[in-house]
C-alpha cells in the first residue's frame, strides 16, 4: 500500500488547501497535499470563479470616495445572516472575517502579486432587509484563475518546497484515528483503485462543500424553498459531494446548517458540458422582464438581481413549477448579458484591457452570439407570438400563455413611454437607482423597452435554479479546529474553506454578502496553519 508521512496532511487542492499548504511551508512544516482531481485543474472551483472578494475599507474603496468601516460591514453582515440564538461559532467567525479580511486576506494576496479591478462592484444591496451599504465586491484582475495560478506558483517555488508532497487523483474516503486522535486518512487512487494511507500529526480537511451532489442538495433543501425543483443545474465542483463531511461525522465531528446554501436563480445549461447537468449562472439582466413558467411577470415585487439573491430563489421555488424565463431584446443582451466565472469573461481572465473596454462600450457580441447559437435555453424571435411558440416548443408543452406575456411586455413598455417622472414601476425605480453608481451604469441600459423595433430580435432565456455553494458544513472554533458534538476540539483535526461553511460551520448564516467565499477560504486556511504552527491545535 502507498504510504505518506508528514507533519501536516491537507486534503483538498482548492484555494483553501493551497493557502494552508503555503502557510505551513512558511512555518517550516512538512506537508502532504492530496487532491482527488487532476493536476491540470489544480485550484478547484476557485480556478473557475470570477474572483470577486469582499473587503472592508480598501484603497479601491477610498479612491471611489467611500469610507467603509468594520462596524458598518458587520452590521450589514448580521442583517443578512439572520443568525439564530445558538449560532455562537458562526457569529464569532463573522466578526473575525470582517475584522481581518482586509489586513489578512486583501494585503496577503496583494503581497503574492494579485491585483484588483479599480471599480468595486456593488452586489447584495439588500431588499426587505439591509445588505451591503457600500460596494465591497473586489474583482481580481485575472479572475479566480489568476488567483489560483499565482498562489500555486508561489507554493511550487517556495524555498521549502522540498518539504511539500503533492499527489493528484487520490480520493480520501475515511479518517484514521488512534487513541482518540485523528492521525491520518485512507483512500483509493482514482482510476487504478489502488489503496493508500497518509499519516500526520494534523489533518486539515479542505475538500469543499456538498453542492456538487444533487442527492445531498435535495436531501438538505431548505424548507423556505418549498420542495426541490425537478431540474437543478450543477454549478459546483463535481467532487463537492460531502464524502469528507461524512468521514468527519464518523470521527465524532459536528455538521451544522447543511440546509443553508448559496444557490442561483438564473442558471442555464452549459453549451459544452464537462459534468452531468453542468450549469452556468447568468448575471441576470436588470432590464429584462423576469417571468414565471406561464409567462407571467414575477411579483408583486419584480425580480431584479443585485439586491437579495436568496429571495430570487425563494420566489421562483414558490411557483408551481420552479423554473423561470427572462425576456429581453438584442440591445439589452449586448449591454447586460453576462455569465459568472472565468470561462466566459476572457478579457478579465486574460487581463486584456482593450478587449474588456470593447465589450463594455460596444457590447458583448461574442458572448451573445455563443449563447444564441450553442445554449439550448435561448430562443429568438421577431415578435411575441413567435417567441411564445418557440418557448413552448423548447419546454415541450403549452405552459407559456401569449396573453400573459403580451400583457407583461406591453404594460412595462407603456410605463417607460410615459417618461421618467411617471415610471411607477419598482423594476424601473431599481434601474434608476442602480445607474447612480458608475460600476452599474456602464453595464446597464437606460429604461429600454422590450418590444422595440430598433432593438430586435426578441430573446427568451429559460432559467433554472443552479446549485453552487454550501453555507453550512463542519463546525470549527476560531482556530479552525473541528468541534465534536460535545463542542470540544477533536485532536489532530481541522477544517477550512467551504468544508467548514467558510468558518464555524456557517459564517454567512442564511445569506451571503457575496465575495466572502474566496476570502473565507483564505482566512480560515491561514488561521488553521497558524494555529498548527503556534501549537494552538491539539
Protein backbone atom coordinates (compact mmCIF):
# COMPACT_ATOMS: atom_id res chain seq x y z
CA UNK A 1 0.00 0.00 0.00
CA UNK A 2 1.22 3.51 -0.87
CA UNK A 3 2.12 5.38 2.33
CA UNK A 4 2.68 9.08 3.04
CA UNK A 5 4.01 10.72 6.21
CA UNK A 6 4.30 14.41 7.09
CA UNK A 7 3.82 16.93 9.87
CA UNK A 8 0.52 18.03 8.32
CA UNK A 9 -1.80 16.40 5.80
CA UNK A 10 -4.00 18.72 3.73
CA UNK A 11 -6.93 17.02 1.98
CA UNK A 12 -8.18 19.05 -0.98
CA UNK A 13 -6.43 21.21 -3.54
CA UNK A 14 -8.78 24.17 -3.79
CA UNK A 15 -7.85 27.68 -2.74
CA UNK A 16 -8.22 26.78 0.96
CA UNK A 17 -5.93 23.76 0.69
CA UNK A 18 -3.35 25.69 -1.33
CA UNK A 19 -3.35 28.54 1.20
CA UNK A 20 -3.00 26.18 4.14
CA UNK A 21 -0.09 24.37 2.49
CA UNK A 22 1.65 27.64 1.62
CA UNK A 23 1.35 28.97 5.19
CA UNK A 24 2.59 25.67 6.63
CA UNK A 25 5.65 25.70 4.38
CA UNK A 26 6.33 29.23 5.57
CA UNK A 27 6.45 27.83 9.10
CA UNK A 28 8.82 25.04 8.07
CA UNK A 29 6.30 22.20 8.35
CA UNK A 30 6.38 19.19 6.06
CA UNK A 31 3.12 18.91 4.12
CA UNK A 32 1.39 16.25 2.05
CA UNK A 33 -1.43 17.68 -0.06
CA UNK A 34 -3.81 15.12 -1.56
CA UNK A 35 -6.33 16.13 -4.21
CA UNK A 36 -8.93 13.97 -5.90
CA UNK A 37 -8.80 15.83 -9.22
CA UNK A 38 -6.03 16.05 -11.81
CA UNK A 39 -3.03 18.37 -11.74
CA UNK A 40 -4.29 20.30 -14.79
CA UNK A 41 -7.17 21.73 -12.75
CA UNK A 42 -5.27 22.29 -9.50
CA UNK A 43 -7.13 25.07 -7.71
CA UNK A 44 -10.63 23.61 -7.64
CA UNK A 45 -13.73 25.74 -8.05
CA UNK A 46 -11.80 28.92 -7.25
CA UNK A 47 -9.94 28.47 -10.53
CA UNK A 48 -13.26 28.69 -12.41
CA UNK A 49 -14.65 31.61 -10.43
CA UNK A 50 -14.95 35.25 -11.40
CA UNK A 51 -12.70 36.11 -8.48
CA UNK A 52 -14.86 38.54 -6.52
CA UNK A 53 -13.71 39.15 -2.95
CA UNK A 54 -15.38 41.03 -0.07
CA UNK A 55 -13.15 43.54 1.69
CA UNK A 56 -13.69 46.48 4.01
CA UNK A 57 -12.06 49.94 3.76
CA UNK A 58 -9.63 49.24 0.93
CA UNK A 59 -7.61 51.68 -1.20
CA UNK A 60 -10.00 50.94 -4.09
CA UNK A 61 -12.99 51.99 -1.99
CA UNK A 62 -11.26 55.13 -0.77
CA UNK A 63 -10.30 56.20 -4.29
CA UNK A 64 -14.00 55.95 -5.20
CA UNK A 65 -14.92 58.24 -2.29
CA UNK A 66 -16.17 55.56 0.11
CA UNK A 67 -15.46 55.47 3.81
CA UNK A 68 -16.25 51.93 4.84
CA UNK A 69 -15.77 50.55 8.34
CA UNK A 70 -15.72 47.28 10.21
CA UNK A 71 -18.72 48.43 12.27
CA UNK A 72 -20.83 49.15 9.18
CA UNK A 73 -19.81 45.95 7.42
CA UNK A 74 -20.54 43.84 10.48
CA UNK A 75 -23.98 45.43 10.83
CA UNK A 76 -24.69 44.57 7.19
CA UNK A 77 -23.40 41.01 7.65
CA UNK A 78 -25.55 40.33 10.72
CA UNK A 79 -28.60 41.83 8.98
CA UNK A 80 -28.27 39.50 6.00
CA UNK A 81 -27.24 36.46 8.05
CA UNK A 82 -30.26 36.41 10.39
CA UNK A 83 -28.25 34.31 12.84
CA UNK A 84 -30.15 32.19 15.33
CA UNK A 85 -29.64 32.26 19.11
CA UNK A 86 -27.43 29.14 19.02
CA UNK A 87 -25.10 30.37 16.26
CA UNK A 88 -22.17 31.13 18.56
CA UNK A 89 -19.38 29.97 16.24
CA UNK A 90 -20.86 31.36 13.01
CA UNK A 91 -21.23 34.77 14.71
CA UNK A 92 -17.70 34.61 16.08
CA UNK A 93 -16.35 33.77 12.63
CA UNK A 94 -18.36 36.60 11.06
CA UNK A 95 -16.75 39.07 13.45
CA UNK A 96 -13.34 37.55 12.76
CA UNK A 97 -13.75 37.73 9.00
CA UNK A 98 -14.99 41.31 8.89
CA UNK A 99 -12.18 42.46 11.20
CA UNK A 100 -9.43 40.52 9.44
CA UNK A 101 -10.44 40.30 5.76
CA UNK A 102 -8.52 43.40 4.68
CA UNK A 103 -5.27 43.00 6.65
CA UNK A 104 -5.11 39.19 6.43
CA UNK A 105 -6.63 38.48 3.01
CA UNK A 106 -6.52 41.62 0.83
CA UNK A 107 -2.96 42.62 1.74
CA UNK A 108 -1.85 38.98 1.80
CA UNK A 109 -2.97 38.26 -1.78
CA UNK A 110 -1.56 41.64 -2.88
CA UNK A 111 1.79 40.52 -1.44
CA UNK A 112 1.54 37.46 -3.68
CA UNK A 113 1.10 39.54 -6.83
CA UNK A 114 -2.71 39.67 -7.09
CA UNK A 115 -4.23 42.90 -8.39
CA UNK A 116 -7.82 44.11 -8.32
CA UNK A 117 -10.05 45.92 -10.78
CA UNK A 118 -10.22 49.65 -9.89
CA UNK A 119 -14.04 49.79 -9.76
CA UNK A 120 -15.61 47.89 -6.85
CA UNK A 121 -18.88 46.10 -7.66
CA UNK A 122 -21.99 46.61 -5.55
CA UNK A 123 -23.95 43.40 -5.07
CA UNK A 124 -26.38 42.09 -2.44
CA UNK A 125 -27.52 45.61 -1.53
CA UNK A 126 -30.48 44.24 0.37
CA UNK A 127 -34.18 44.36 -0.35
CA UNK A 128 -36.52 43.72 2.56
CA UNK A 129 -33.60 43.89 4.98
CA UNK A 130 -30.31 45.79 4.70
CA UNK A 131 -27.42 44.22 2.79
CA UNK A 132 -24.19 45.82 1.59
CA UNK A 133 -24.40 49.50 2.45
CA UNK A 134 -21.42 50.15 0.14
CA UNK A 135 -19.71 48.38 -2.77
CA UNK A 136 -17.36 45.71 -1.38
CA UNK A 137 -17.05 43.14 -4.23
CA UNK A 138 -13.42 43.49 -5.37
CA UNK A 139 -12.75 41.66 -8.64
CA UNK A 140 -9.37 40.01 -9.13
CA UNK A 141 -7.77 41.31 -12.33
CA UNK A 142 -7.39 37.91 -13.96
CA UNK A 143 -10.39 36.26 -12.22
CA UNK A 144 -10.09 33.30 -9.89
CA UNK A 145 -7.89 31.57 -12.46
CA UNK A 146 -5.03 34.02 -11.91
CA UNK A 147 -5.61 33.99 -8.15
CA UNK A 148 -5.25 30.20 -8.09
CA UNK A 149 -2.33 30.09 -10.52
CA UNK A 150 -0.39 32.79 -8.70
CA UNK A 151 -0.72 31.04 -5.33
CA UNK A 152 0.11 27.68 -6.91
CA UNK A 153 3.21 29.17 -8.49
CA UNK A 154 4.25 30.62 -5.12
CA UNK A 155 3.64 27.24 -3.48
CA UNK A 156 5.61 25.23 -6.03
CA UNK A 157 8.54 27.65 -5.99
CA UNK A 158 8.68 28.13 -2.24
CA UNK A 159 12.06 27.96 -0.52
CA UNK A 160 10.75 24.97 1.48
CA UNK A 161 9.19 23.17 -1.49
CA UNK A 162 11.32 20.15 -0.61
CA UNK A 163 9.02 19.66 2.37
CA UNK A 164 5.94 19.52 0.09
CA UNK A 165 4.45 16.38 -1.46
CA UNK A 166 1.64 16.89 -4.00
CA UNK A 167 -0.44 13.96 -5.13
CA UNK A 168 -3.39 14.20 -7.51
CA UNK A 169 -6.01 11.59 -8.36
CA UNK A 170 -6.14 10.49 -4.70
CA UNK A 171 -9.64 10.10 -3.27
CA UNK A 172 -9.70 10.25 0.52
CA UNK A 173 -12.58 8.21 1.92
CA UNK A 174 -12.10 7.99 5.68
CA UNK A 175 -10.14 9.33 8.60
CA UNK A 176 -7.77 7.24 10.70
CA UNK A 177 -7.81 7.61 14.48
CA UNK A 178 -5.60 6.38 17.28
CA UNK A 179 -6.23 6.87 20.99
CA UNK A 180 -8.93 9.45 20.27
CA UNK A 181 -6.74 11.46 17.89
CA UNK A 182 -7.14 11.81 14.13
CA UNK A 183 -3.78 10.69 12.76
CA UNK A 184 -4.31 10.23 9.03
CA UNK A 185 -6.55 9.12 6.19
CA UNK A 186 -7.27 6.17 3.93
CA UNK A 187 -8.42 6.24 0.34
CA UNK A 188 -8.10 4.99 -3.21
CA UNK A 189 -6.33 6.26 -6.27
CA UNK A 190 -8.77 7.40 -8.96
CA UNK A 191 -8.63 5.11 -11.97
CA UNK A 192 -6.46 2.28 -10.63
CA UNK A 193 -8.37 1.87 -7.37
CA UNK A 194 -5.09 1.23 -5.53
CA UNK A 195 -5.40 1.89 -1.79
CA UNK A 196 -3.22 4.38 0.07
CA UNK A 197 -2.74 5.73 3.58
CA UNK A 198 -1.37 9.05 4.79
CA UNK A 199 -0.28 9.75 8.36
CA UNK A 200 0.35 13.12 10.00
CA UNK A 201 0.23 14.90 13.32
CA UNK A 202 -2.57 17.11 12.00
CA UNK A 203 -5.13 16.61 9.22
CA UNK A 204 -6.70 19.64 7.53
CA UNK A 205 -9.93 18.97 5.62
CA UNK A 206 -10.27 21.35 2.66
CA UNK A 207 -12.50 19.35 0.33
CA UNK A 208 -15.24 21.88 -0.41
CA UNK A 209 -18.95 21.60 0.25
CA UNK A 210 -21.84 19.32 -0.67
CA UNK A 211 -23.39 21.21 -3.57
CA UNK A 212 -21.81 19.11 -6.29
CA UNK A 213 -24.02 16.20 -5.20
CA UNK A 214 -27.61 16.70 -6.28
CA UNK A 215 -28.64 13.93 -3.88
CA UNK A 216 -27.13 15.91 -0.98
CA UNK A 217 -28.62 19.17 -2.24
CA UNK A 218 -32.09 17.64 -2.42
CA UNK A 219 -31.72 15.92 0.95
CA UNK A 220 -30.83 19.18 2.70
CA UNK A 221 -33.08 21.52 0.68
CA UNK A 222 -34.14 24.46 2.86
CA UNK A 223 -37.78 24.50 3.97
CA UNK A 224 -38.14 28.13 2.81
CA UNK A 225 -37.68 26.89 -0.74
CA UNK A 226 -40.64 24.51 -0.90
CA UNK A 227 -39.69 21.19 -2.49
CA UNK A 228 -36.57 20.84 -4.65
CA UNK A 229 -37.16 21.76 -8.31
CA UNK A 230 -37.45 18.98 -10.87
CA UNK A 231 -34.33 20.36 -12.59
CA UNK A 232 -31.37 21.65 -10.59
CA UNK A 233 -28.25 22.51 -12.56
CA UNK A 234 -24.81 21.84 -11.12
CA UNK A 235 -22.64 24.94 -10.82
CA UNK A 236 -20.43 23.48 -8.11
CA UNK A 237 -17.35 21.26 -8.28
CA UNK A 238 -18.02 17.71 -9.43
CA UNK A 239 -16.22 16.33 -6.36
CA UNK A 240 -18.04 18.54 -3.83
CA UNK A 241 -20.03 15.51 -2.73
CA UNK A 242 -19.74 15.57 1.07
CA UNK A 243 -17.62 12.43 1.34
CA UNK A 244 -15.28 14.01 3.91
CA UNK A 245 -18.24 15.55 5.75
CA UNK A 246 -19.43 12.01 6.42
CA UNK A 247 -15.91 10.93 7.39
CA UNK A 248 -15.63 13.81 9.88
CA UNK A 249 -19.05 12.97 11.27
CA UNK A 250 -17.92 9.37 11.66
CA UNK A 251 -14.96 10.59 13.71
CA UNK A 252 -17.29 12.47 16.06
CA UNK A 253 -17.28 15.86 14.33
CA UNK A 254 -20.35 18.08 14.20
CA UNK A 255 -22.05 19.10 10.93
CA UNK A 256 -24.29 22.15 11.01
CA UNK A 257 -26.55 24.18 8.73
CA UNK A 258 -26.30 21.90 5.70
CA UNK A 259 -29.63 23.34 4.56
CA UNK A 260 -28.00 26.75 4.16
CA UNK A 261 -26.90 27.02 0.53
CA UNK A 262 -25.95 29.81 -1.84
CA UNK A 263 -27.78 28.77 -5.00
CA UNK A 264 -28.51 30.93 -8.03
CA UNK A 265 -31.81 31.69 -9.71
CA UNK A 266 -30.70 32.20 -13.32
CA UNK A 267 -28.91 29.07 -14.45
CA UNK A 268 -28.69 27.72 -17.99
CA UNK A 269 -27.20 24.54 -19.42
CA UNK A 270 -23.53 24.82 -20.31
CA UNK A 271 -23.24 24.65 -24.12
CA UNK A 272 -20.14 22.44 -23.76
CA UNK A 273 -20.77 20.49 -20.54
CA UNK A 274 -17.95 18.85 -18.58
CA UNK A 275 -20.12 17.14 -15.95
CA UNK A 276 -23.72 15.91 -15.65
CA UNK A 277 -26.29 18.74 -15.70
CA UNK A 278 -23.48 21.28 -15.96
CA UNK A 279 -24.96 24.71 -15.25
CA UNK A 280 -23.83 28.27 -15.89
CA UNK A 281 -25.00 31.07 -13.65
CA UNK A 282 -26.13 34.09 -15.64
CA UNK A 283 -25.78 37.52 -14.11
CA UNK A 284 -29.48 38.30 -14.63
CA UNK A 285 -30.10 41.28 -16.92
CA UNK A 286 -31.76 44.05 -14.92
CA UNK A 287 -33.63 45.46 -17.95
CA UNK A 288 -35.15 42.08 -18.87
CA UNK A 289 -38.60 41.04 -17.69
CA UNK A 290 -38.42 38.09 -15.31
CA UNK A 291 -41.40 35.77 -15.88
CA UNK A 292 -42.66 32.59 -14.26
CA UNK A 293 -43.20 29.30 -16.08
CA UNK A 294 -46.51 30.56 -17.53
CA UNK A 295 -45.02 33.77 -18.91
CA UNK A 296 -46.47 35.98 -16.15
CA UNK A 297 -44.31 38.69 -14.66
CA UNK A 298 -42.97 37.62 -11.28
CA UNK A 299 -44.26 39.71 -8.43
CA UNK A 300 -45.79 41.59 -6.84
CA UNK A 301 -42.20 42.60 -6.11
CA UNK A 302 -40.47 42.17 -9.51
CA UNK A 303 -37.33 40.08 -9.61
CA UNK A 304 -34.22 42.23 -10.06
CA UNK A 305 -30.73 40.93 -9.38
CA UNK A 306 -28.12 42.58 -7.19
CA UNK A 307 -30.27 43.02 -4.08
CA UNK A 308 -31.07 39.65 -2.50
CA UNK A 309 -30.10 36.53 -4.44
CA UNK A 310 -31.75 34.23 -1.94
CA UNK A 311 -35.11 35.99 -2.39
CA UNK A 312 -34.95 35.35 -6.14
CA UNK A 313 -34.52 31.62 -5.50
CA UNK A 314 -37.28 31.65 -2.87
CA UNK A 315 -39.83 33.30 -5.17
CA UNK A 316 -39.11 31.00 -8.09
CA UNK A 317 -39.30 27.89 -5.91
CA UNK A 318 -42.67 29.07 -4.57
CA UNK A 319 -44.14 28.67 -8.07
CA UNK A 320 -45.98 25.54 -9.17
CA UNK A 321 -43.04 24.83 -11.48
CA UNK A 322 -39.68 26.04 -10.20
CA UNK A 323 -38.07 27.44 -13.31
CA UNK A 324 -38.41 30.85 -14.95
CA UNK A 325 -37.92 32.92 -18.09
CA UNK A 326 -36.21 36.20 -18.78
CA UNK A 327 -37.40 38.10 -21.84
CA UNK A 328 -35.31 40.86 -23.40
CA UNK A 329 -34.20 42.13 -26.80
CA UNK A 330 -30.87 42.05 -28.60
CA UNK A 331 -29.88 45.52 -27.41
CA UNK A 332 -30.39 44.57 -23.75
CA UNK A 333 -28.48 41.33 -24.26
CA UNK A 334 -25.50 43.13 -25.81
CA UNK A 335 -25.31 45.60 -22.95
CA UNK A 336 -26.23 43.46 -19.96
CA UNK A 337 -25.88 39.72 -20.65
CA UNK A 338 -23.09 38.28 -18.53
CA UNK A 339 -22.12 34.91 -17.11
CA UNK A 340 -20.39 34.40 -13.80
CA UNK A 341 -16.96 32.79 -13.80
CA UNK A 342 -13.60 32.92 -15.53
CA UNK A 343 -14.55 30.90 -18.61
CA UNK A 344 -16.98 33.45 -20.02
CA UNK A 345 -15.03 36.55 -19.04
CA UNK A 346 -11.85 36.03 -21.07
CA UNK A 347 -10.90 39.71 -21.29
CA UNK A 348 -10.76 39.94 -17.48
CA UNK A 349 -9.33 36.43 -17.09
CA UNK A 350 -6.53 37.09 -19.60
CA UNK A 351 -6.07 40.69 -18.41
CA UNK A 352 -6.73 42.24 -21.83
CA UNK A 353 -7.66 45.86 -21.19
CA UNK A 354 -8.66 46.79 -24.75
CA UNK A 355 -10.83 43.70 -25.20
CA UNK A 356 -12.56 44.46 -21.91
CA UNK A 357 -13.25 48.07 -22.94
CA UNK A 358 -14.51 46.88 -26.32
CA UNK A 359 -17.03 44.55 -24.72
CA UNK A 360 -18.21 47.23 -22.29
CA UNK A 361 -18.53 50.03 -24.84
CA UNK A 362 -19.66 48.12 -27.93
CA UNK A 363 -21.50 45.19 -26.37
CA UNK A 364 -20.52 41.64 -25.54
CA UNK A 365 -21.22 40.35 -29.06
CA UNK A 366 -19.15 37.19 -28.92
CA UNK A 367 -20.90 36.05 -25.73
CA UNK A 368 -24.40 36.80 -27.03
CA UNK A 369 -23.66 35.00 -30.30
CA UNK A 370 -22.20 31.99 -28.49
CA UNK A 371 -25.23 31.62 -26.24
CA UNK A 372 -27.76 32.19 -29.03
CA UNK A 373 -26.02 29.60 -31.20
CA UNK A 374 -25.00 26.96 -28.68
CA UNK A 375 -27.05 27.16 -25.47
CA UNK A 376 -30.24 25.12 -25.54
CA UNK A 377 -32.07 27.52 -23.19
CA UNK A 378 -32.05 30.55 -25.52
CA UNK A 379 -34.78 31.19 -28.12
CA UNK A 380 -35.03 34.09 -30.59
CA UNK A 381 -37.99 35.60 -32.44
CA UNK A 382 -39.10 38.83 -34.14
CA UNK A 383 -42.49 39.12 -32.44
CA UNK A 384 -44.29 37.95 -29.32
CA UNK A 385 -46.47 35.18 -30.86
CA UNK A 386 -43.40 33.64 -32.49
CA UNK A 387 -41.45 33.95 -29.23
CA UNK A 388 -44.16 32.20 -27.21
CA UNK A 389 -44.36 29.43 -29.78
CA UNK A 390 -40.61 28.82 -29.51
CA UNK A 391 -40.64 28.99 -25.72
CA UNK A 392 -43.32 26.31 -25.56
CA UNK A 393 -41.56 24.20 -28.18
CA UNK A 394 -38.38 24.32 -26.09
CA UNK A 395 -40.20 23.21 -22.95
CA UNK A 396 -42.32 20.68 -24.81
CA UNK A 397 -45.72 21.94 -23.62
CA UNK A 398 -48.01 24.96 -23.92
CA UNK A 399 -47.35 26.46 -20.48
CA UNK A 400 -46.39 29.96 -21.65
CA UNK A 401 -49.55 31.93 -22.37
CA UNK A 402 -49.40 34.55 -25.13
CA UNK A 403 -51.89 36.80 -23.31
CA UNK A 404 -49.80 36.75 -20.12
CA UNK A 405 -46.51 37.54 -21.84
CA UNK A 406 -48.08 40.20 -24.06
CA UNK A 407 -49.66 41.88 -21.04
CA UNK A 408 -46.34 41.90 -19.16
CA UNK A 409 -44.38 43.37 -22.09
CA UNK A 410 -46.92 45.98 -23.21
CA UNK A 411 -47.58 47.24 -19.67
CA UNK A 412 -43.84 47.55 -18.95
CA UNK A 413 -43.11 49.28 -22.25
CA UNK A 414 -46.06 51.65 -21.81
CA UNK A 415 -44.74 52.64 -18.38
CA UNK A 416 -41.38 53.54 -19.92
CA UNK A 417 -43.11 55.52 -22.67
CA UNK A 418 -44.79 57.80 -20.08
CA UNK A 419 -41.39 59.25 -19.22
CA UNK A 420 -39.08 59.03 -16.24
CA UNK A 421 -41.20 61.27 -13.99
CA UNK A 422 -44.14 58.85 -14.29
CA UNK A 423 -42.43 55.48 -14.22
CA UNK A 424 -44.42 53.97 -11.38
CA UNK A 425 -42.76 50.56 -11.56
CA UNK A 426 -40.43 49.04 -8.98
CA UNK A 427 -38.09 47.50 -11.54
CA UNK A 428 -37.63 50.85 -13.28
CA UNK A 429 -37.04 52.55 -9.93
CA UNK A 430 -34.34 49.98 -9.22
CA UNK A 431 -32.73 50.63 -12.61
CA UNK A 432 -32.74 54.37 -11.93
CA UNK A 433 -31.12 53.76 -8.54
CA UNK A 434 -28.53 51.32 -9.90
CA UNK A 435 -27.46 53.78 -12.59
CA UNK A 436 -26.41 56.29 -9.93
CA UNK A 437 -23.29 54.16 -9.30
CA UNK A 438 -20.87 54.11 -12.21
CA UNK A 439 -19.92 50.50 -11.63
CA UNK A 440 -23.52 49.59 -12.61
CA UNK A 441 -24.27 52.39 -15.06
CA UNK A 442 -21.67 51.30 -17.58
CA UNK A 443 -23.33 47.86 -17.96
CA UNK A 444 -26.98 48.88 -17.66
CA UNK A 445 -29.45 50.13 -20.27
CA UNK A 446 -31.35 53.33 -19.60
CA UNK A 447 -35.06 52.42 -19.50
CA UNK A 448 -35.01 50.17 -22.55
CA UNK A 449 -38.44 48.91 -23.75
CA UNK A 450 -38.68 45.21 -24.54
CA UNK A 451 -40.64 45.24 -27.82
CA UNK A 452 -38.61 47.89 -29.59
CA UNK A 453 -38.40 47.56 -33.39
CA UNK A 454 -34.91 49.07 -33.34
CA UNK A 455 -33.68 46.55 -30.78
CA UNK A 456 -34.96 43.25 -32.21
CA UNK A 457 -34.82 40.31 -32.22
CA UNK A 458 -36.55 39.32 -29.00
CA UNK A 459 -34.74 36.81 -26.78
CA UNK A 460 -36.22 34.49 -24.16
CA UNK A 461 -33.95 32.58 -21.77
CA UNK A 462 -35.23 29.59 -19.82
CA UNK A 463 -33.55 29.65 -16.41
CA UNK A 464 -33.18 27.01 -13.71
CA UNK A 465 -32.02 27.03 -10.11
CA UNK A 466 -28.28 26.31 -10.06
CA UNK A 467 -26.56 24.65 -7.12
CA UNK A 468 -23.38 26.50 -6.19
CA UNK A 469 -22.01 26.84 -2.63
CA UNK A 470 -22.60 25.29 0.79
CA UNK A 471 -23.04 27.86 3.54
CA UNK A 472 -23.08 25.18 6.25
CA UNK A 473 -20.58 22.46 6.96
CA UNK A 474 -18.14 21.13 9.57
CA UNK A 475 -18.28 23.18 12.76
CA UNK A 476 -14.97 24.75 13.83
CA UNK A 477 -13.72 27.05 16.56
CA UNK A 478 -11.66 30.20 15.95
CA UNK A 479 -8.51 28.11 15.42
CA UNK A 480 -10.25 26.11 12.62
CA UNK A 481 -10.24 23.05 14.91
CA UNK A 482 -13.11 20.66 14.23
CA UNK A 483 -15.57 20.51 17.12
CA UNK A 484 -17.29 17.40 18.36
CA UNK A 485 -20.98 17.07 19.16
CA UNK A 486 -19.93 17.92 22.73
CA UNK A 487 -18.44 21.19 21.40
CA UNK A 488 -14.86 20.12 22.13
CA UNK A 489 -11.96 20.18 19.65
CA UNK A 490 -11.16 16.81 18.10
CA UNK A 491 -7.39 16.31 18.49
CA UNK A 492 -5.48 16.38 15.22
CA UNK A 493 -8.39 17.50 13.03
CA UNK A 494 -9.02 20.90 11.41
CA UNK A 495 -11.35 22.04 8.61
CA UNK A 496 -11.14 25.07 6.36
CA UNK A 497 -12.91 26.77 3.46
CA UNK A 498 -16.26 25.61 2.18
CA UNK A 499 -15.93 22.29 4.03
CA UNK A 500 -16.24 24.32 7.25
CA UNK A 501 -19.03 26.54 5.95
CA UNK A 502 -16.24 29.09 5.30
CA UNK A 503 -15.66 29.14 9.06
CA UNK A 504 -17.58 27.95 12.11
CA UNK A 505 -19.90 25.69 10.15
CA UNK A 506 -21.88 28.59 8.72
CA UNK A 507 -20.24 32.03 8.91
CA UNK A 508 -22.78 33.52 6.48
CA UNK A 509 -25.92 32.46 8.25
CA UNK A 510 -28.88 32.49 5.88
CA UNK A 511 -27.42 34.74 3.16
CA UNK A 512 -24.02 35.80 1.89
CA UNK A 513 -22.91 39.33 1.09
CA UNK A 514 -21.03 37.81 -1.90
CA UNK A 515 -17.28 37.81 -2.36
CA UNK A 516 -16.99 36.24 1.06
CA UNK A 517 -16.31 32.73 -0.28
CA UNK A 518 -12.77 33.03 -1.63
CA UNK A 519 -11.89 35.31 1.26
CA UNK A 520 -13.36 32.86 3.76
CA UNK A 521 -11.31 30.04 2.25
CA UNK A 522 -8.08 32.02 2.53
CA UNK A 523 -8.67 33.36 6.02
CA UNK A 524 -9.82 30.08 7.59
CA UNK A 525 -6.86 28.26 5.98
CA UNK A 526 -4.35 30.83 7.23
CA UNK A 527 -5.84 30.60 10.71
CA UNK A 528 -5.60 26.79 10.68
CA UNK A 529 -1.96 26.85 9.57
CA UNK A 530 -1.07 29.50 12.14
CA UNK A 531 -2.78 27.50 14.90
CA UNK A 532 -0.79 24.38 13.97
CA UNK A 533 2.48 26.30 13.78
CA UNK A 534 1.88 28.07 17.09
CA UNK A 535 0.93 24.88 18.90
CA UNK A 536 -2.67 26.03 19.36
CA UNK A 537 -4.10 23.00 17.55
CA UNK A 538 -4.36 19.96 19.77
